[in-house]
N, C-alpha and C. Protein backbone atom coordinates (compact mmCIF):
# COMPACT_ATOMS: atom_id res chain seq x y z
N MET A 1 0.18 28.76 -50.62
CA MET A 1 0.07 27.35 -50.29
C MET A 1 -0.58 26.61 -51.45
N VAL A 2 -0.12 25.41 -51.70
CA VAL A 2 -0.66 24.61 -52.79
C VAL A 2 -1.85 23.82 -52.26
N TYR A 3 -2.94 23.84 -52.99
CA TYR A 3 -4.12 23.08 -52.60
C TYR A 3 -4.19 21.83 -53.47
N TYR A 4 -4.50 20.73 -52.85
CA TYR A 4 -4.56 19.46 -53.55
C TYR A 4 -5.99 18.94 -53.53
N SER A 5 -6.37 18.31 -54.62
CA SER A 5 -7.67 17.67 -54.67
C SER A 5 -7.57 16.36 -53.90
N HIS A 6 -8.32 16.26 -52.82
CA HIS A 6 -8.22 15.07 -51.97
C HIS A 6 -8.64 13.81 -52.72
N ALA A 7 -9.66 13.90 -53.54
CA ALA A 7 -10.13 12.72 -54.28
C ALA A 7 -9.05 12.23 -55.24
N ALA A 8 -8.38 13.15 -55.93
CA ALA A 8 -7.33 12.75 -56.87
C ALA A 8 -6.16 12.12 -56.12
N LEU A 9 -5.77 12.71 -54.99
CA LEU A 9 -4.68 12.12 -54.20
C LEU A 9 -5.08 10.75 -53.65
N ASP A 10 -6.32 10.62 -53.21
CA ASP A 10 -6.80 9.33 -52.70
C ASP A 10 -6.71 8.26 -53.78
N ARG A 11 -7.14 8.60 -54.98
CA ARG A 11 -7.06 7.63 -56.09
C ARG A 11 -5.62 7.28 -56.42
N THR A 12 -4.74 8.28 -56.40
CA THR A 12 -3.33 8.03 -56.72
C THR A 12 -2.71 7.11 -55.70
N PHE A 13 -2.89 7.42 -54.41
CA PHE A 13 -2.28 6.58 -53.37
C PHE A 13 -2.92 5.20 -53.32
N ALA A 14 -4.21 5.11 -53.58
CA ALA A 14 -4.87 3.80 -53.62
C ALA A 14 -4.31 2.96 -54.76
N ALA A 15 -4.07 3.59 -55.89
CA ALA A 15 -3.51 2.87 -57.04
C ALA A 15 -2.08 2.42 -56.75
N LEU A 16 -1.32 3.26 -56.06
CA LEU A 16 0.08 2.93 -55.76
C LEU A 16 0.22 1.94 -54.61
N ALA A 17 -0.86 1.67 -53.90
CA ALA A 17 -0.79 0.78 -52.74
C ALA A 17 -0.56 -0.68 -53.13
N ASP A 18 -0.91 -1.05 -54.34
CA ASP A 18 -0.80 -2.44 -54.77
C ASP A 18 0.54 -2.70 -55.45
N PRO A 19 1.26 -3.75 -55.06
CA PRO A 19 2.56 -4.02 -55.67
C PRO A 19 2.49 -4.37 -57.16
N THR A 20 1.42 -5.01 -57.59
CA THR A 20 1.28 -5.33 -59.02
C THR A 20 1.14 -4.06 -59.83
N ARG A 21 0.35 -3.11 -59.33
CA ARG A 21 0.19 -1.86 -60.07
C ARG A 21 1.49 -1.06 -60.08
N ARG A 22 2.24 -1.09 -58.98
CA ARG A 22 3.55 -0.42 -58.99
C ARG A 22 4.49 -1.07 -59.98
N ALA A 23 4.42 -2.38 -60.09
CA ALA A 23 5.27 -3.09 -61.07
C ALA A 23 4.86 -2.74 -62.50
N LEU A 24 3.56 -2.59 -62.73
CA LEU A 24 3.11 -2.17 -64.07
C LEU A 24 3.62 -0.78 -64.40
N LEU A 25 3.56 0.12 -63.43
CA LEU A 25 4.08 1.48 -63.65
C LEU A 25 5.59 1.46 -63.89
N ALA A 26 6.29 0.61 -63.18
CA ALA A 26 7.74 0.51 -63.38
C ALA A 26 8.06 0.01 -64.79
N ARG A 27 7.29 -0.94 -65.27
CA ARG A 27 7.51 -1.43 -66.65
C ARG A 27 7.20 -0.34 -67.66
N LEU A 28 6.14 0.43 -67.41
CA LEU A 28 5.79 1.52 -68.34
C LEU A 28 6.83 2.64 -68.31
N SER A 29 7.48 2.83 -67.18
CA SER A 29 8.47 3.91 -67.09
C SER A 29 9.71 3.62 -67.94
N LYS A 30 9.91 2.36 -68.31
CA LYS A 30 11.08 1.98 -69.10
C LYS A 30 10.85 2.11 -70.61
N THR A 31 9.62 2.33 -70.99
CA THR A 31 9.29 2.43 -72.42
C THR A 31 8.29 3.57 -72.64
N ASN A 32 8.23 4.04 -73.84
CA ASN A 32 7.30 5.12 -74.17
C ASN A 32 5.86 4.62 -74.15
N SER A 33 5.65 3.42 -74.66
CA SER A 33 4.32 2.84 -74.77
C SER A 33 4.45 1.32 -74.82
N ALA A 34 3.46 0.61 -74.26
CA ALA A 34 3.48 -0.85 -74.29
C ALA A 34 2.05 -1.35 -74.41
N SER A 35 1.90 -2.46 -75.10
CA SER A 35 0.57 -3.05 -75.23
C SER A 35 0.21 -3.77 -73.93
N VAL A 36 -1.08 -3.99 -73.75
CA VAL A 36 -1.55 -4.66 -72.54
C VAL A 36 -0.96 -6.06 -72.45
N SER A 37 -0.90 -6.77 -73.56
CA SER A 37 -0.33 -8.13 -73.54
C SER A 37 1.16 -8.10 -73.20
N GLU A 38 1.89 -7.08 -73.66
CA GLU A 38 3.31 -6.95 -73.29
C GLU A 38 3.45 -6.68 -71.79
N LEU A 39 2.57 -5.83 -71.25
CA LEU A 39 2.61 -5.54 -69.83
C LEU A 39 2.26 -6.75 -68.98
N ALA A 40 1.33 -7.57 -69.47
CA ALA A 40 0.85 -8.72 -68.70
C ALA A 40 1.80 -9.90 -68.75
N GLN A 41 2.69 -9.92 -69.72
CA GLN A 41 3.55 -11.09 -69.96
C GLN A 41 4.32 -11.60 -68.74
N PRO A 42 4.98 -10.78 -67.94
CA PRO A 42 5.76 -11.35 -66.83
C PRO A 42 4.94 -11.72 -65.59
N PHE A 43 3.66 -11.38 -65.56
CA PHE A 43 2.86 -11.63 -64.37
C PHE A 43 2.15 -12.98 -64.45
N ALA A 44 2.08 -13.65 -63.32
CA ALA A 44 1.40 -14.94 -63.25
C ALA A 44 -0.08 -14.72 -62.93
N MET A 45 -0.76 -14.00 -63.82
CA MET A 45 -2.19 -13.75 -63.65
C MET A 45 -2.83 -13.65 -65.03
N SER A 46 -4.13 -13.73 -65.04
CA SER A 46 -4.86 -13.69 -66.30
C SER A 46 -4.84 -12.27 -66.89
N LEU A 47 -5.09 -12.20 -68.18
CA LEU A 47 -5.16 -10.92 -68.86
C LEU A 47 -6.29 -10.04 -68.30
N PRO A 48 -7.48 -10.62 -67.99
CA PRO A 48 -8.52 -9.79 -67.37
C PRO A 48 -8.09 -9.21 -66.01
N ALA A 49 -7.30 -9.94 -65.25
CA ALA A 49 -6.82 -9.42 -63.96
C ALA A 49 -5.89 -8.24 -64.18
N VAL A 50 -5.01 -8.34 -65.17
CA VAL A 50 -4.11 -7.23 -65.50
C VAL A 50 -4.93 -6.03 -65.97
N MET A 51 -5.98 -6.30 -66.76
CA MET A 51 -6.86 -5.22 -67.24
C MET A 51 -7.52 -4.49 -66.08
N LYS A 52 -7.91 -5.22 -65.03
CA LYS A 52 -8.51 -4.57 -63.85
C LYS A 52 -7.50 -3.67 -63.15
N HIS A 53 -6.26 -4.13 -63.07
CA HIS A 53 -5.22 -3.28 -62.47
C HIS A 53 -5.00 -2.02 -63.33
N LEU A 54 -5.01 -2.20 -64.63
CA LEU A 54 -4.85 -1.05 -65.52
C LEU A 54 -6.04 -0.09 -65.43
N ASP A 55 -7.23 -0.64 -65.18
CA ASP A 55 -8.42 0.21 -64.97
C ASP A 55 -8.21 1.12 -63.76
N VAL A 56 -7.69 0.57 -62.67
CA VAL A 56 -7.45 1.37 -61.46
C VAL A 56 -6.41 2.44 -61.75
N LEU A 57 -5.33 2.06 -62.44
CA LEU A 57 -4.29 3.03 -62.78
C LEU A 57 -4.83 4.11 -63.72
N SER A 58 -5.68 3.72 -64.63
CA SER A 58 -6.27 4.67 -65.57
C SER A 58 -7.23 5.61 -64.84
N ASP A 59 -8.04 5.08 -63.91
CA ASP A 59 -8.96 5.92 -63.14
C ASP A 59 -8.21 6.94 -62.29
N ALA A 60 -7.02 6.57 -61.84
CA ALA A 60 -6.20 7.49 -61.04
C ALA A 60 -5.46 8.48 -61.93
N GLY A 61 -5.53 8.30 -63.24
CA GLY A 61 -4.85 9.19 -64.17
C GLY A 61 -3.38 8.89 -64.36
N LEU A 62 -2.93 7.74 -63.85
CA LEU A 62 -1.51 7.38 -63.96
C LEU A 62 -1.16 6.72 -65.28
N VAL A 63 -2.16 6.19 -65.96
CA VAL A 63 -1.95 5.50 -67.23
C VAL A 63 -2.97 6.01 -68.24
N ALA A 64 -2.48 6.27 -69.44
CA ALA A 64 -3.37 6.63 -70.56
C ALA A 64 -3.39 5.45 -71.53
N ARG A 65 -4.59 5.10 -72.00
CA ARG A 65 -4.71 3.98 -72.94
C ARG A 65 -5.21 4.49 -74.28
N ASN A 66 -4.70 3.83 -75.32
CA ASN A 66 -5.08 4.18 -76.68
C ASN A 66 -5.29 2.88 -77.46
N LYS A 67 -6.45 2.77 -78.10
CA LYS A 67 -6.76 1.55 -78.84
C LYS A 67 -6.58 1.81 -80.33
N THR A 68 -5.75 1.01 -80.95
CA THR A 68 -5.53 1.06 -82.39
C THR A 68 -5.84 -0.33 -82.93
N GLY A 69 -6.98 -0.47 -83.60
CA GLY A 69 -7.39 -1.79 -84.08
C GLY A 69 -7.72 -2.67 -82.89
N ARG A 70 -7.02 -3.81 -82.81
CA ARG A 70 -7.24 -4.74 -81.70
C ARG A 70 -6.22 -4.56 -80.58
N ILE A 71 -5.27 -3.67 -80.76
CA ILE A 71 -4.19 -3.50 -79.78
C ILE A 71 -4.47 -2.27 -78.91
N VAL A 72 -4.43 -2.50 -77.60
CA VAL A 72 -4.57 -1.41 -76.64
C VAL A 72 -3.18 -1.13 -76.09
N SER A 73 -2.72 0.08 -76.34
CA SER A 73 -1.39 0.45 -75.83
C SER A 73 -1.56 1.40 -74.64
N CYS A 74 -0.61 1.32 -73.73
CA CYS A 74 -0.64 2.13 -72.51
C CYS A 74 0.63 2.96 -72.42
N ARG A 75 0.48 4.13 -71.85
CA ARG A 75 1.65 4.96 -71.58
C ARG A 75 1.49 5.60 -70.21
N LEU A 76 2.60 5.90 -69.62
CA LEU A 76 2.62 6.47 -68.28
C LEU A 76 2.28 7.95 -68.32
N ARG A 77 1.46 8.40 -67.37
CA ARG A 77 1.17 9.83 -67.20
C ARG A 77 1.74 10.25 -65.85
N ALA A 78 2.56 11.29 -65.83
CA ALA A 78 3.29 11.66 -64.63
C ALA A 78 2.58 12.69 -63.74
N GLU A 79 1.60 13.38 -64.25
CA GLU A 79 1.00 14.48 -63.49
C GLU A 79 0.46 14.07 -62.12
N PRO A 80 -0.34 13.00 -62.00
CA PRO A 80 -0.82 12.61 -60.66
C PRO A 80 0.33 12.23 -59.73
N MET A 81 1.36 11.62 -60.28
CA MET A 81 2.52 11.24 -59.48
C MET A 81 3.25 12.49 -58.98
N ARG A 82 3.32 13.49 -59.81
CA ARG A 82 3.96 14.75 -59.44
C ARG A 82 3.19 15.43 -58.30
N ASP A 83 1.87 15.41 -58.40
CA ASP A 83 1.04 15.99 -57.33
C ASP A 83 1.23 15.25 -56.02
N ALA A 84 1.28 13.91 -56.07
CA ALA A 84 1.49 13.12 -54.86
C ALA A 84 2.88 13.40 -54.28
N ASN A 85 3.87 13.53 -55.15
CA ASN A 85 5.23 13.83 -54.70
C ASN A 85 5.29 15.21 -54.03
N ASP A 86 4.61 16.19 -54.59
CA ASP A 86 4.57 17.52 -53.98
C ASP A 86 3.93 17.45 -52.59
N TRP A 87 2.86 16.70 -52.47
CA TRP A 87 2.18 16.54 -51.20
C TRP A 87 3.12 15.89 -50.17
N LEU A 88 3.82 14.84 -50.58
CA LEU A 88 4.76 14.16 -49.68
C LEU A 88 5.93 15.05 -49.30
N ASN A 89 6.42 15.85 -50.25
CA ASN A 89 7.54 16.75 -49.97
C ASN A 89 7.19 17.80 -48.92
N ARG A 90 5.93 18.24 -48.94
CA ARG A 90 5.50 19.22 -47.94
C ARG A 90 5.64 18.64 -46.54
N TYR A 91 5.25 17.39 -46.37
CA TYR A 91 5.37 16.76 -45.05
C TYR A 91 6.80 16.36 -44.74
N GLN A 92 7.56 16.05 -45.74
CA GLN A 92 8.98 15.76 -45.51
C GLN A 92 9.68 17.01 -44.99
N LYS A 93 9.36 18.15 -45.56
CA LYS A 93 9.94 19.42 -45.10
C LYS A 93 9.50 19.70 -43.66
N PHE A 94 8.22 19.50 -43.38
CA PHE A 94 7.68 19.74 -42.03
C PHE A 94 8.42 18.88 -41.01
N TRP A 95 8.50 17.56 -41.25
CA TRP A 95 9.15 16.67 -40.29
C TRP A 95 10.65 16.86 -40.27
N GLY A 96 11.25 17.21 -41.39
CA GLY A 96 12.69 17.48 -41.40
C GLY A 96 13.04 18.65 -40.50
N GLU A 97 12.25 19.73 -40.57
CA GLU A 97 12.48 20.88 -39.70
C GLU A 97 12.29 20.52 -38.23
N ARG A 98 11.26 19.74 -37.93
CA ARG A 98 11.01 19.34 -36.54
C ARG A 98 12.16 18.48 -36.01
N LEU A 99 12.61 17.54 -36.81
CA LEU A 99 13.70 16.67 -36.36
C LEU A 99 15.02 17.42 -36.25
N ASP A 100 15.24 18.41 -37.12
CA ASP A 100 16.45 19.23 -37.00
C ASP A 100 16.44 20.02 -35.70
N ARG A 101 15.27 20.56 -35.34
CA ARG A 101 15.16 21.30 -34.08
C ARG A 101 15.37 20.38 -32.88
N LEU A 102 14.85 19.17 -32.96
CA LEU A 102 15.04 18.21 -31.88
C LEU A 102 16.53 17.87 -31.74
N ALA A 103 17.21 17.64 -32.86
CA ALA A 103 18.64 17.33 -32.82
C ALA A 103 19.43 18.49 -32.23
N ALA A 104 19.09 19.72 -32.61
CA ALA A 104 19.79 20.89 -32.06
C ALA A 104 19.55 21.00 -30.56
N PHE A 105 18.33 20.73 -30.12
CA PHE A 105 18.02 20.78 -28.69
C PHE A 105 18.82 19.73 -27.93
N LEU A 106 18.88 18.53 -28.48
CA LEU A 106 19.61 17.46 -27.80
C LEU A 106 21.11 17.73 -27.77
N GLU A 107 21.64 18.34 -28.81
CA GLU A 107 23.06 18.66 -28.83
C GLU A 107 23.39 19.78 -27.85
N ASP A 108 22.48 20.73 -27.63
CA ASP A 108 22.71 21.83 -26.71
C ASP A 108 22.53 21.42 -25.26
N ASP A 109 21.80 20.37 -24.99
CA ASP A 109 21.53 19.94 -23.64
C ASP A 109 22.82 19.40 -23.01
N THR A 110 23.16 19.90 -21.82
CA THR A 110 24.39 19.48 -21.16
C THR A 110 24.14 18.23 -20.35
N TRP A 111 25.08 17.34 -20.42
CA TRP A 111 24.99 16.09 -19.65
C TRP A 111 26.35 15.78 -19.10
N PRO A 112 26.53 15.42 -17.89
CA PRO A 112 25.51 15.24 -16.88
C PRO A 112 24.99 16.57 -16.38
N PRO A 113 23.83 16.54 -15.74
CA PRO A 113 23.27 17.80 -15.24
C PRO A 113 24.17 18.41 -14.17
N SER A 114 23.97 19.68 -13.89
CA SER A 114 24.78 20.36 -12.88
C SER A 114 24.58 19.71 -11.52
N PRO A 115 25.60 19.82 -10.61
CA PRO A 115 25.48 19.17 -9.29
C PRO A 115 24.29 19.74 -8.52
N PRO A 116 23.70 18.94 -7.63
CA PRO A 116 22.52 19.41 -6.90
C PRO A 116 22.87 20.56 -5.96
N ASN A 117 21.87 21.34 -5.63
CA ASN A 117 22.02 22.47 -4.73
C ASN A 117 22.41 21.96 -3.34
N GLN A 118 23.44 22.56 -2.73
CA GLN A 118 23.94 22.11 -1.44
C GLN A 118 22.90 22.32 -0.33
N ALA A 119 22.03 23.29 -0.49
CA ALA A 119 21.03 23.57 0.53
C ALA A 119 19.84 22.62 0.42
N SER A 120 19.85 21.76 -0.54
CA SER A 120 18.74 20.85 -0.75
C SER A 120 18.66 19.85 0.40
N LEU A 121 17.46 19.51 0.82
CA LEU A 121 17.28 18.53 1.88
C LEU A 121 17.73 17.15 1.46
N SER A 122 17.60 16.87 0.18
CA SER A 122 17.95 15.54 -0.29
C SER A 122 19.45 15.30 -0.22
N SER A 123 20.26 16.35 -0.22
CA SER A 123 21.70 16.17 -0.16
C SER A 123 22.22 16.25 1.26
N ALA A 124 21.38 16.63 2.24
CA ALA A 124 21.81 16.70 3.64
C ALA A 124 21.97 15.30 4.20
N ALA A 125 22.81 15.18 5.22
CA ALA A 125 23.02 13.88 5.85
C ALA A 125 21.74 13.43 6.54
N SER A 126 21.46 12.17 6.46
CA SER A 126 20.26 11.63 7.08
C SER A 126 20.52 11.41 8.56
N THR A 127 19.52 11.65 9.38
CA THR A 127 19.61 11.35 10.82
C THR A 127 18.75 10.14 11.10
N ARG A 128 19.19 9.36 12.03
CA ARG A 128 18.45 8.15 12.37
C ARG A 128 17.20 8.54 13.16
N ARG A 129 16.09 8.04 12.76
CA ARG A 129 14.84 8.34 13.45
C ARG A 129 14.56 7.29 14.51
N ARG A 130 13.88 7.74 15.54
CA ARG A 130 13.50 6.84 16.63
C ARG A 130 12.39 5.93 16.15
N LYS A 131 12.42 4.66 16.57
CA LYS A 131 11.38 3.71 16.22
C LYS A 131 10.06 4.15 16.82
N LYS A 132 9.02 4.05 16.09
CA LYS A 132 7.71 4.44 16.58
C LYS A 132 6.91 3.25 17.09
N SER A 133 7.38 2.06 16.89
CA SER A 133 6.60 0.90 17.31
C SER A 133 6.83 0.61 18.79
N SER A 134 5.89 -0.08 19.39
CA SER A 134 5.99 -0.42 20.80
C SER A 134 6.90 -1.62 20.99
N PRO A 135 7.35 -1.85 22.20
CA PRO A 135 8.22 -3.00 22.43
C PRO A 135 7.45 -4.29 22.17
N PRO A 136 8.17 -5.36 21.93
CA PRO A 136 7.50 -6.62 21.65
C PRO A 136 6.67 -7.09 22.83
N GLY A 137 5.59 -7.82 22.54
CA GLY A 137 4.71 -8.33 23.57
C GLY A 137 5.29 -9.55 24.26
N ARG A 138 4.48 -10.15 25.16
CA ARG A 138 4.95 -11.32 25.90
C ARG A 138 5.19 -12.47 24.97
N THR A 139 6.13 -13.28 25.34
CA THR A 139 6.38 -14.49 24.57
C THR A 139 5.71 -15.64 25.28
N ARG A 140 5.30 -16.56 24.57
CA ARG A 140 4.59 -17.71 25.11
C ARG A 140 5.59 -18.80 25.41
N LYS A 141 5.55 -19.31 26.63
CA LYS A 141 6.43 -20.41 27.02
C LYS A 141 5.59 -21.60 27.38
N LYS A 142 6.10 -22.77 27.10
CA LYS A 142 5.37 -23.99 27.42
C LYS A 142 5.69 -24.53 28.74
């Protein structure tokens, strides 16, 4: 069985929970390396805000940064994503097997059910029961 570091998975999924960070990762997946200003260009947010998103991605190990002079370049790191994918695949396999068994059970189940047992009381003819109430009382006349 594969053991996963819960803290690393928590950081990975927390980083992936934000749509801006997923968009940054998508942009990085299309290129080998990109500067922070290139990554920030299509977003309607300040450069410091993009830097905070990159900090979260970097803390999760999804992005590696390298500073050359005044330019900070980023590149995608796949290892944490691979670990998260392995974790998800384990549960996909688990639920896939369960759902396959449920489908097989439902396909084997015969419908409509077999006719009721003839000796059953519920299928016997009903007999009319005698009223248990007393006859009506006196009526009032004016």
